[in-house]
Amino acid sequence: MPPRIRRPRAVPTACLTLILAFAGARSATAQAGYPSGPPGAEQYRLTLAGLRKVMPVLRDQPQAKCEEREAKPDPYALTLAEMTATLERCEPIRAALAKTGASAQEAASVLGAFMYAGRRITQEESALALGKQAPPLPPGPLKDNVTLIRQNEAELRRLTQSSSRGGGTGVAR
């Protein structure tokens, strides 16, 4: 009997959906050897309160208005400072973040840490699908972020799904 292949869980899909919605497809150069996320974001410890503030803003804002003026950046190639500047240049995002009390710098840190954790979850799920196990993570922010995401799958799915598809209200709690 052939080995049973496990299907990855929904968390990576929710994580990656938001990341790709923010940044679009990565360039061929970035796909060849991109880092797991913006440098510095791997040390940011996510909180559910921070995710609730930032994710609906990044999910619901009309990215096309900002992207018409500049090339779509590859978030995996940006530093946190560059990601912050990209968010600050987008008036709809800047205004929506201000309503939640979050700064562009906080949003960039949350998104960057979410990207790192999403990438790690995808690695773990891919290894499981192949009947293997990803190397264990040492204690620290990345391990804590992966745990937070896994423990709050349903809420994060709601926070990362487009409100036009029936997921979430776009209102941070």
N, C-alpha and C. Protein backbone atom coordinates (compact mmCIF):
# COMPACT_ATOMS: atom_id res chain seq x y z
N MET A 1 0.86 -1.18 0.00
CA MET A 1 0.00 0.00 0.00
C MET A 1 0.90 1.24 0.00
N PRO A 2 0.63 2.23 -0.87
CA PRO A 2 1.47 3.44 -0.90
C PRO A 2 1.30 4.24 0.39
N PRO A 3 2.34 5.02 0.77
CA PRO A 3 2.23 5.81 2.00
C PRO A 3 1.12 6.84 1.88
N ARG A 4 0.44 7.05 2.97
CA ARG A 4 -0.65 8.01 3.00
C ARG A 4 -0.08 9.42 3.07
N ILE A 5 -0.56 10.28 2.20
CA ILE A 5 -0.10 11.66 2.17
C ILE A 5 -1.11 12.51 2.90
N ARG A 6 -0.62 13.26 3.88
CA ARG A 6 -1.50 14.15 4.64
C ARG A 6 -1.69 15.46 3.89
N ARG A 7 -2.89 15.96 3.96
CA ARG A 7 -3.17 17.27 3.36
C ARG A 7 -2.78 18.36 4.33
N PRO A 8 -2.14 19.42 3.83
CA PRO A 8 -1.82 20.54 4.72
C PRO A 8 -3.09 21.16 5.28
N ARG A 9 -2.99 21.71 6.48
CA ARG A 9 -4.13 22.36 7.11
C ARG A 9 -4.36 23.73 6.50
N ALA A 10 -5.42 24.40 6.93
CA ALA A 10 -5.84 25.66 6.33
C ALA A 10 -5.01 26.86 6.74
N VAL A 11 -4.26 26.79 7.82
CA VAL A 11 -3.53 27.97 8.29
C VAL A 11 -2.57 28.50 7.24
N PRO A 12 -1.76 27.66 6.57
CA PRO A 12 -0.86 28.23 5.57
C PRO A 12 -1.61 28.96 4.47
N THR A 13 -2.76 28.45 4.08
CA THR A 13 -3.54 29.10 3.04
C THR A 13 -3.98 30.48 3.49
N ALA A 14 -4.48 30.61 4.71
CA ALA A 14 -4.90 31.90 5.22
C ALA A 14 -3.73 32.87 5.29
N CYS A 15 -2.59 32.39 5.78
CA CYS A 15 -1.40 33.24 5.88
C CYS A 15 -0.97 33.70 4.50
N LEU A 16 -0.84 32.77 3.60
CA LEU A 16 -0.32 33.10 2.27
C LEU A 16 -1.31 33.94 1.47
N THR A 17 -2.61 33.74 1.68
CA THR A 17 -3.59 34.54 0.97
C THR A 17 -3.39 36.02 1.29
N LEU A 18 -3.22 36.35 2.56
CA LEU A 18 -3.03 37.74 2.94
C LEU A 18 -1.71 38.28 2.41
N ILE A 19 -0.66 37.50 2.52
CA ILE A 19 0.65 37.95 2.06
C ILE A 19 0.61 38.22 0.56
N LEU A 20 0.04 37.31 -0.20
CA LEU A 20 -0.02 37.51 -1.65
C LEU A 20 -0.96 38.64 -2.03
N ALA A 21 -2.02 38.83 -1.26
CA ALA A 21 -2.91 39.96 -1.55
C ALA A 21 -2.18 41.28 -1.34
N PHE A 22 -1.31 41.33 -0.33
CA PHE A 22 -0.57 42.55 -0.06
C PHE A 22 0.49 42.81 -1.12
N ALA A 23 1.15 41.74 -1.54
CA ALA A 23 2.33 41.93 -2.37
C ALA A 23 2.22 41.44 -3.79
N GLY A 24 1.25 40.64 -4.09
CA GLY A 24 1.19 40.10 -5.43
C GLY A 24 2.21 38.97 -5.57
N ALA A 25 2.31 38.45 -6.74
CA ALA A 25 3.25 37.34 -6.97
C ALA A 25 4.68 37.82 -6.88
N ARG A 26 5.54 36.95 -6.37
CA ARG A 26 6.96 37.29 -6.28
C ARG A 26 7.59 37.21 -7.65
N SER A 27 8.63 37.98 -7.83
CA SER A 27 9.37 37.94 -9.09
C SER A 27 10.15 36.64 -9.17
N ALA A 28 10.58 36.26 -10.37
CA ALA A 28 11.35 35.04 -10.56
C ALA A 28 12.64 35.10 -9.76
N THR A 29 13.25 36.26 -9.66
CA THR A 29 14.48 36.41 -8.90
C THR A 29 14.22 36.13 -7.43
N ALA A 30 13.13 36.65 -6.91
CA ALA A 30 12.82 36.45 -5.50
C ALA A 30 12.50 34.99 -5.22
N GLN A 31 11.82 34.31 -6.15
CA GLN A 31 11.46 32.91 -5.94
C GLN A 31 12.70 32.04 -5.84
N ALA A 32 13.75 32.41 -6.55
CA ALA A 32 14.95 31.59 -6.57
C ALA A 32 15.63 31.52 -5.21
N GLY A 33 15.58 32.57 -4.40
CA GLY A 33 16.27 32.52 -3.12
C GLY A 33 15.81 33.60 -2.16
N TYR A 34 14.51 33.75 -1.97
CA TYR A 34 14.04 34.80 -1.09
C TYR A 34 14.16 34.37 0.37
N PRO A 35 14.37 35.34 1.25
CA PRO A 35 14.40 35.02 2.67
C PRO A 35 13.00 34.72 3.16
N SER A 36 12.87 34.31 4.41
CA SER A 36 11.57 33.96 4.97
C SER A 36 10.69 35.16 5.25
N GLY A 37 11.24 36.33 5.23
CA GLY A 37 10.48 37.54 5.51
C GLY A 37 11.45 38.70 5.63
N PRO A 38 10.93 39.88 5.90
CA PRO A 38 11.80 41.05 6.02
C PRO A 38 12.80 40.91 7.17
N PRO A 39 14.07 41.25 6.93
CA PRO A 39 15.06 41.18 8.01
C PRO A 39 14.61 41.99 9.22
N GLY A 40 14.72 41.41 10.38
CA GLY A 40 14.30 42.06 11.62
C GLY A 40 12.95 41.57 12.10
N ALA A 41 12.10 41.15 11.18
CA ALA A 41 10.75 40.71 11.56
C ALA A 41 10.77 39.39 12.32
N GLU A 42 11.82 38.62 12.15
CA GLU A 42 11.89 37.32 12.83
C GLU A 42 11.98 37.48 14.35
N GLN A 43 12.33 38.67 14.82
CA GLN A 43 12.44 38.92 16.26
C GLN A 43 11.18 39.56 16.86
N TYR A 44 10.18 39.83 16.03
CA TYR A 44 8.95 40.47 16.50
C TYR A 44 8.01 39.39 17.02
N ARG A 45 7.53 39.54 18.23
CA ARG A 45 6.61 38.58 18.84
C ARG A 45 5.18 39.06 18.58
N LEU A 46 4.44 38.27 17.81
CA LEU A 46 3.05 38.61 17.50
C LEU A 46 2.16 38.48 18.72
N THR A 47 1.11 39.30 18.74
CA THR A 47 0.04 39.17 19.74
C THR A 47 -1.27 39.13 18.98
N LEU A 48 -2.26 38.52 19.58
CA LEU A 48 -3.57 38.46 18.94
C LEU A 48 -4.15 39.88 18.81
N ALA A 49 -3.90 40.72 19.82
CA ALA A 49 -4.40 42.10 19.75
C ALA A 49 -3.78 42.84 18.56
N GLY A 50 -2.48 42.67 18.33
CA GLY A 50 -1.82 43.31 17.19
C GLY A 50 -2.34 42.78 15.87
N LEU A 51 -2.55 41.49 15.78
CA LEU A 51 -3.09 40.89 14.55
C LEU A 51 -4.51 41.41 14.29
N ARG A 52 -5.30 41.53 15.34
CA ARG A 52 -6.68 42.02 15.18
C ARG A 52 -6.71 43.47 14.69
N LYS A 53 -5.71 44.25 15.09
CA LYS A 53 -5.64 45.65 14.66
C LYS A 53 -5.19 45.79 13.22
N VAL A 54 -4.18 45.05 12.85
CA VAL A 54 -3.49 45.26 11.58
C VAL A 54 -4.05 44.44 10.41
N MET A 55 -4.36 43.19 10.64
CA MET A 55 -4.74 42.32 9.52
C MET A 55 -5.98 42.77 8.76
N PRO A 56 -7.06 43.18 9.43
CA PRO A 56 -8.21 43.63 8.66
C PRO A 56 -7.90 44.85 7.79
N VAL A 57 -7.03 45.72 8.26
CA VAL A 57 -6.65 46.91 7.47
C VAL A 57 -5.93 46.47 6.21
N LEU A 58 -4.95 45.59 6.34
CA LEU A 58 -4.19 45.14 5.18
C LEU A 58 -5.04 44.29 4.25
N ARG A 59 -6.00 43.59 4.80
CA ARG A 59 -6.88 42.75 4.00
C ARG A 59 -7.89 43.57 3.20
N ASP A 60 -8.46 44.59 3.79
CA ASP A 60 -9.60 45.28 3.18
C ASP A 60 -9.27 46.52 2.37
N GLN A 61 -8.08 47.05 2.49
CA GLN A 61 -7.79 48.31 1.81
C GLN A 61 -7.56 48.09 0.32
N PRO A 62 -8.01 49.03 -0.51
CA PRO A 62 -7.85 48.91 -1.96
C PRO A 62 -6.39 49.11 -2.38
N GLN A 63 -5.66 48.02 -2.45
CA GLN A 63 -4.24 48.07 -2.78
C GLN A 63 -4.00 48.67 -4.16
N ALA A 64 -4.91 48.44 -5.07
CA ALA A 64 -4.69 48.89 -6.45
C ALA A 64 -4.49 50.40 -6.54
N LYS A 65 -5.15 51.16 -5.69
CA LYS A 65 -4.99 52.61 -5.72
C LYS A 65 -3.55 53.03 -5.46
N CYS A 66 -2.89 52.33 -4.57
CA CYS A 66 -1.50 52.66 -4.23
C CYS A 66 -0.54 52.07 -5.24
N GLU A 67 -0.86 50.90 -5.76
CA GLU A 67 0.04 50.20 -6.66
C GLU A 67 0.06 50.79 -8.06
N GLU A 68 -0.93 51.58 -8.41
CA GLU A 68 -0.96 52.19 -9.73
C GLU A 68 0.23 53.14 -9.91
N ARG A 69 0.66 53.75 -8.81
CA ARG A 69 1.72 54.75 -8.88
C ARG A 69 3.12 54.16 -8.82
N GLU A 70 3.26 52.95 -8.31
CA GLU A 70 4.59 52.36 -8.19
C GLU A 70 4.53 50.87 -8.44
N ALA A 71 5.67 50.30 -8.74
CA ALA A 71 5.74 48.86 -8.96
C ALA A 71 5.39 48.13 -7.67
N LYS A 72 4.75 47.01 -7.80
CA LYS A 72 4.37 46.21 -6.65
C LYS A 72 5.64 45.63 -6.01
N PRO A 73 5.92 45.96 -4.75
CA PRO A 73 7.15 45.46 -4.13
C PRO A 73 7.03 43.99 -3.73
N ASP A 74 8.15 43.33 -3.68
CA ASP A 74 8.22 41.96 -3.19
C ASP A 74 8.46 42.05 -1.68
N PRO A 75 7.47 41.69 -0.84
CA PRO A 75 7.63 41.87 0.60
C PRO A 75 8.75 41.03 1.18
N TYR A 76 9.10 39.94 0.52
CA TYR A 76 10.19 39.10 1.02
C TYR A 76 11.55 39.75 0.82
N ALA A 77 11.63 40.70 -0.09
CA ALA A 77 12.90 41.36 -0.38
C ALA A 77 13.02 42.70 0.35
N LEU A 78 11.93 43.18 0.96
CA LEU A 78 11.95 44.46 1.65
C LEU A 78 12.47 44.34 3.07
N THR A 79 13.15 45.37 3.53
CA THR A 79 13.47 45.47 4.95
C THR A 79 12.22 45.98 5.66
N LEU A 80 12.20 45.93 6.98
CA LEU A 80 11.05 46.48 7.70
C LEU A 80 10.90 47.97 7.44
N ALA A 81 12.01 48.69 7.32
CA ALA A 81 11.95 50.13 7.03
C ALA A 81 11.32 50.38 5.65
N GLU A 82 11.70 49.56 4.67
CA GLU A 82 11.12 49.72 3.32
C GLU A 82 9.64 49.34 3.30
N MET A 83 9.29 48.28 4.05
CA MET A 83 7.89 47.89 4.12
C MET A 83 7.08 48.99 4.81
N THR A 84 7.63 49.57 5.87
CA THR A 84 6.96 50.68 6.56
C THR A 84 6.75 51.84 5.61
N ALA A 85 7.79 52.21 4.86
CA ALA A 85 7.68 53.32 3.90
C ALA A 85 6.63 53.02 2.83
N THR A 86 6.56 51.78 2.37
CA THR A 86 5.55 51.39 1.37
C THR A 86 4.15 51.59 1.94
N LEU A 87 3.94 51.17 3.18
CA LEU A 87 2.63 51.34 3.81
C LEU A 87 2.32 52.82 4.03
N GLU A 88 3.32 53.60 4.43
CA GLU A 88 3.11 55.03 4.68
C GLU A 88 2.77 55.79 3.40
N ARG A 89 3.28 55.35 2.27
CA ARG A 89 2.99 56.02 0.99
C ARG A 89 1.57 55.75 0.50
N CYS A 90 0.92 54.76 1.04
CA CYS A 90 -0.43 54.40 0.61
C CYS A 90 -1.44 55.09 1.54
N GLU A 91 -2.04 56.15 1.06
CA GLU A 91 -2.97 56.95 1.87
C GLU A 91 -4.12 56.12 2.45
N PRO A 92 -4.81 55.26 1.66
CA PRO A 92 -5.91 54.49 2.25
C PRO A 92 -5.45 53.61 3.41
N ILE A 93 -4.29 53.00 3.28
CA ILE A 93 -3.78 52.15 4.37
C ILE A 93 -3.37 53.01 5.56
N ARG A 94 -2.69 54.10 5.30
CA ARG A 94 -2.25 54.99 6.39
C ARG A 94 -3.46 55.48 7.18
N ALA A 95 -4.51 55.89 6.48
CA ALA A 95 -5.72 56.39 7.15
C ALA A 95 -6.42 55.28 7.94
N ALA A 96 -6.50 54.09 7.36
CA ALA A 96 -7.16 52.98 8.05
C ALA A 96 -6.36 52.55 9.28
N LEU A 97 -5.04 52.54 9.16
CA LEU A 97 -4.21 52.21 10.32
C LEU A 97 -4.39 53.24 11.43
N ALA A 98 -4.46 54.51 11.06
CA ALA A 98 -4.64 55.56 12.06
C ALA A 98 -5.94 55.36 12.85
N LYS A 99 -6.99 54.89 12.17
CA LYS A 99 -8.27 54.65 12.84
C LYS A 99 -8.17 53.54 13.89
N THR A 100 -7.27 52.60 13.66
CA THR A 100 -7.12 51.49 14.61
C THR A 100 -6.11 51.81 15.70
N GLY A 101 -5.35 52.89 15.52
CA GLY A 101 -4.31 53.25 16.48
C GLY A 101 -2.98 52.58 16.19
N ALA A 102 -2.88 51.91 15.05
CA ALA A 102 -1.62 51.24 14.69
C ALA A 102 -0.81 52.14 13.77
N SER A 103 0.49 52.08 13.91
CA SER A 103 1.38 52.83 13.02
C SER A 103 1.76 51.95 11.84
N ALA A 104 2.30 52.56 10.80
CA ALA A 104 2.79 51.80 9.65
C ALA A 104 3.93 50.89 10.08
N GLN A 105 4.74 51.36 11.03
CA GLN A 105 5.85 50.54 11.51
C GLN A 105 5.33 49.29 12.24
N GLU A 106 4.30 49.46 13.06
CA GLU A 106 3.71 48.30 13.73
C GLU A 106 3.10 47.34 12.71
N ALA A 107 2.40 47.89 11.71
CA ALA A 107 1.80 47.05 10.67
C ALA A 107 2.86 46.28 9.91
N ALA A 108 3.97 46.93 9.58
CA ALA A 108 5.06 46.26 8.87
C ALA A 108 5.65 45.15 9.73
N SER A 109 5.83 45.41 11.01
CA SER A 109 6.38 44.39 11.92
C SER A 109 5.44 43.20 12.05
N VAL A 110 4.14 43.48 12.20
CA VAL A 110 3.16 42.40 12.31
C VAL A 110 3.14 41.58 11.02
N LEU A 111 3.08 42.27 9.88
CA LEU A 111 3.04 41.56 8.60
C LEU A 111 4.31 40.75 8.39
N GLY A 112 5.46 41.35 8.68
CA GLY A 112 6.73 40.64 8.51
C GLY A 112 6.82 39.40 9.39
N ALA A 113 6.43 39.51 10.66
CA ALA A 113 6.47 38.37 11.56
C ALA A 113 5.45 37.31 11.13
N PHE A 114 4.32 37.76 10.65
CA PHE A 114 3.28 36.86 10.15
C PHE A 114 3.80 36.10 8.93
N MET A 115 4.56 36.80 8.07
CA MET A 115 5.15 36.16 6.89
C MET A 115 6.15 35.08 7.32
N TYR A 116 7.01 35.40 8.27
CA TYR A 116 7.98 34.42 8.76
C TYR A 116 7.27 33.19 9.31
N ALA A 117 6.28 33.43 10.16
CA ALA A 117 5.55 32.31 10.76
C ALA A 117 4.79 31.53 9.70
N GLY A 118 4.17 32.22 8.75
CA GLY A 118 3.45 31.54 7.68
C GLY A 118 4.37 30.67 6.84
N ARG A 119 5.55 31.17 6.58
CA ARG A 119 6.53 30.39 5.82
C ARG A 119 6.93 29.15 6.61
N ARG A 120 7.16 29.29 7.90
CA ARG A 120 7.54 28.14 8.72
C ARG A 120 6.41 27.12 8.78
N ILE A 121 5.17 27.57 8.93
CA ILE A 121 4.03 26.66 8.97
C ILE A 121 3.93 25.91 7.65
N THR A 122 4.15 26.60 6.55
CA THR A 122 4.12 25.96 5.24
C THR A 122 5.22 24.90 5.15
N GLN A 123 6.41 25.20 5.66
CA GLN A 123 7.50 24.21 5.66
C GLN A 123 7.11 22.98 6.48
N GLU A 124 6.51 23.21 7.64
CA GLU A 124 6.10 22.09 8.50
C GLU A 124 5.04 21.24 7.82
N GLU A 125 4.05 21.89 7.23
CA GLU A 125 2.96 21.18 6.58
C GLU A 125 3.45 20.43 5.34
N SER A 126 4.38 21.02 4.61
CA SER A 126 4.96 20.35 3.44
C SER A 126 5.73 19.11 3.86
N ALA A 127 6.50 19.22 4.92
CA ALA A 127 7.24 18.07 5.43
C ALA A 127 6.27 16.96 5.86
N LEU A 128 5.20 17.34 6.56
CA LEU A 128 4.20 16.35 7.00
C LEU A 128 3.56 15.65 5.81
N ALA A 129 3.27 16.42 4.76
CA ALA A 129 2.65 15.85 3.57
C ALA A 129 3.55 14.81 2.92
N LEU A 130 4.85 14.95 3.12
CA LEU A 130 5.82 14.00 2.57
C LEU A 130 6.18 12.91 3.56
N GLY A 131 5.50 12.89 4.72
CA GLY A 131 5.77 11.89 5.73
C GLY A 131 7.03 12.18 6.53
N LYS A 132 7.48 13.42 6.51
CA LYS A 132 8.69 13.81 7.24
C LYS A 132 8.32 14.81 8.32
N GLN A 133 9.35 15.31 8.98
CA GLN A 133 9.14 16.31 10.01
C GLN A 133 10.14 17.43 9.83
N ALA A 134 9.67 18.67 9.92
CA ALA A 134 10.58 19.82 9.82
C ALA A 134 11.46 19.86 11.05
N PRO A 135 12.69 20.40 10.93
CA PRO A 135 13.55 20.51 12.11
C PRO A 135 12.87 21.35 13.19
N PRO A 136 13.06 21.00 14.45
CA PRO A 136 12.42 21.76 15.53
C PRO A 136 12.96 23.19 15.60
N LEU A 137 12.10 24.09 16.02
CA LEU A 137 12.50 25.48 16.20
C LEU A 137 13.06 25.68 17.60
N PRO A 138 14.08 26.51 17.72
CA PRO A 138 14.55 26.84 19.07
C PRO A 138 13.55 27.78 19.74
N PRO A 139 13.58 27.88 21.07
CA PRO A 139 12.68 28.84 21.74
C PRO A 139 12.94 30.25 21.22
N GLY A 140 11.87 31.03 21.12
CA GLY A 140 12.01 32.41 20.66
C GLY A 140 10.76 32.89 19.97
N PRO A 141 10.82 34.11 19.41
CA PRO A 141 9.64 34.71 18.80
C PRO A 141 9.03 33.88 17.67
N LEU A 142 9.84 33.31 16.78
CA LEU A 142 9.28 32.55 15.66
C LEU A 142 8.48 31.35 16.16
N LYS A 143 9.03 30.63 17.10
CA LYS A 143 8.32 29.47 17.66
C LYS A 143 7.02 29.92 18.33
N ASP A 144 7.08 31.01 19.09
CA ASP A 144 5.88 31.55 19.75
C ASP A 144 4.85 32.01 18.72
N ASN A 145 5.31 32.63 17.63
CA ASN A 145 4.38 33.11 16.60
C ASN A 145 3.69 31.95 15.89
N VAL A 146 4.43 30.89 15.59
CA VAL A 146 3.84 29.71 14.97
C VAL A 146 2.79 29.11 15.90
N THR A 147 3.11 29.02 17.18
CA THR A 147 2.16 28.49 18.16
C THR A 147 0.90 29.37 18.23
N LEU A 148 1.09 30.69 18.27
CA LEU A 148 -0.06 31.61 18.32
C LEU A 148 -0.96 31.42 17.10
N ILE A 149 -0.37 31.32 15.93
CA ILE A 149 -1.15 31.15 14.71
C ILE A 149 -1.89 29.81 14.72
N ARG A 150 -1.22 28.76 15.10
CA ARG A 150 -1.86 27.43 15.13
C ARG A 150 -3.00 27.39 16.16
N GLN A 151 -2.83 28.06 17.30
CA GLN A 151 -3.86 28.03 18.35
C GLN A 151 -5.06 28.92 18.02
N ASN A 152 -4.91 29.81 17.06
CA ASN A 152 -5.98 30.75 16.73
C ASN A 152 -6.38 30.69 15.27
N GLU A 153 -6.36 29.47 14.71
CA GLU A 153 -6.64 29.27 13.29
C GLU A 153 -7.94 29.91 12.83
N ALA A 154 -9.03 29.63 13.54
CA ALA A 154 -10.34 30.10 13.11
C ALA A 154 -10.39 31.63 13.07
N GLU A 155 -9.90 32.26 14.11
CA GLU A 155 -9.94 33.72 14.14
C GLU A 155 -9.03 34.32 13.07
N LEU A 156 -7.85 33.75 12.89
CA LEU A 156 -6.94 34.27 11.88
C LEU A 156 -7.48 34.06 10.47
N ARG A 157 -8.17 32.97 10.25
CA ARG A 157 -8.82 32.76 8.95
C ARG A 157 -9.83 33.88 8.71
N ARG A 158 -10.60 34.20 9.75
CA ARG A 158 -11.58 35.27 9.63
C ARG A 158 -10.90 36.62 9.38
N LEU A 159 -9.79 36.87 10.06
CA LEU A 159 -9.08 38.14 9.91
C LEU A 159 -8.40 38.28 8.55
N THR A 160 -8.07 37.15 7.92
CA THR A 160 -7.33 37.21 6.66
C THR A 160 -8.18 37.00 5.43
N GLN A 161 -9.43 36.57 5.60
CA GLN A 161 -10.31 36.40 4.45
C GLN A 161 -10.92 37.73 4.07
N SER A 162 -11.06 37.93 2.80
CA SER A 162 -11.66 39.16 2.30
C SER A 162 -13.11 39.25 2.78
N SER A 163 -13.50 40.43 3.27
CA SER A 163 -14.89 40.60 3.73
C SER A 163 -15.87 40.47 2.58
N SER A 164 -15.41 40.67 1.33
CA SER A 164 -16.29 40.50 0.17
C SER A 164 -16.59 39.04 -0.09
N ARG A 165 -15.77 38.11 0.49
CA ARG A 165 -16.03 36.68 0.33
C ARG A 165 -16.78 36.13 1.54
N GLY A 166 -17.23 37.01 2.39
CA GLY A 166 -18.00 36.56 3.54
C GLY A 166 -17.19 36.29 4.78
N GLY A 167 -15.92 36.55 4.76
CA GLY A 167 -15.09 36.33 5.94
C GLY A 167 -14.88 37.62 6.68
N GLY A 168 -15.20 37.65 7.92
CA GLY A 168 -14.91 38.82 8.76
C GLY A 168 -15.70 40.06 8.40
N THR A 169 -15.58 41.03 9.24
CA THR A 169 -16.31 42.28 9.05
C THR A 169 -15.39 43.40 8.66
N GLY A 170 -14.10 43.18 8.77
CA GLY A 170 -13.15 44.26 8.50
C GLY A 170 -12.98 45.17 9.70
N VAL A 171 -13.62 44.85 10.82
CA VAL A 171 -13.53 45.68 12.02
C VAL A 171 -12.63 44.98 13.02
N ALA A 172 -11.63 45.68 13.47
CA ALA A 172 -10.75 45.12 14.50
C ALA A 172 -11.44 45.19 15.84
N ARG A 173 -11.26 44.14 16.64
CA ARG A 173 -11.89 44.12 17.96
C ARG A 173 -10.89 44.37 19.02
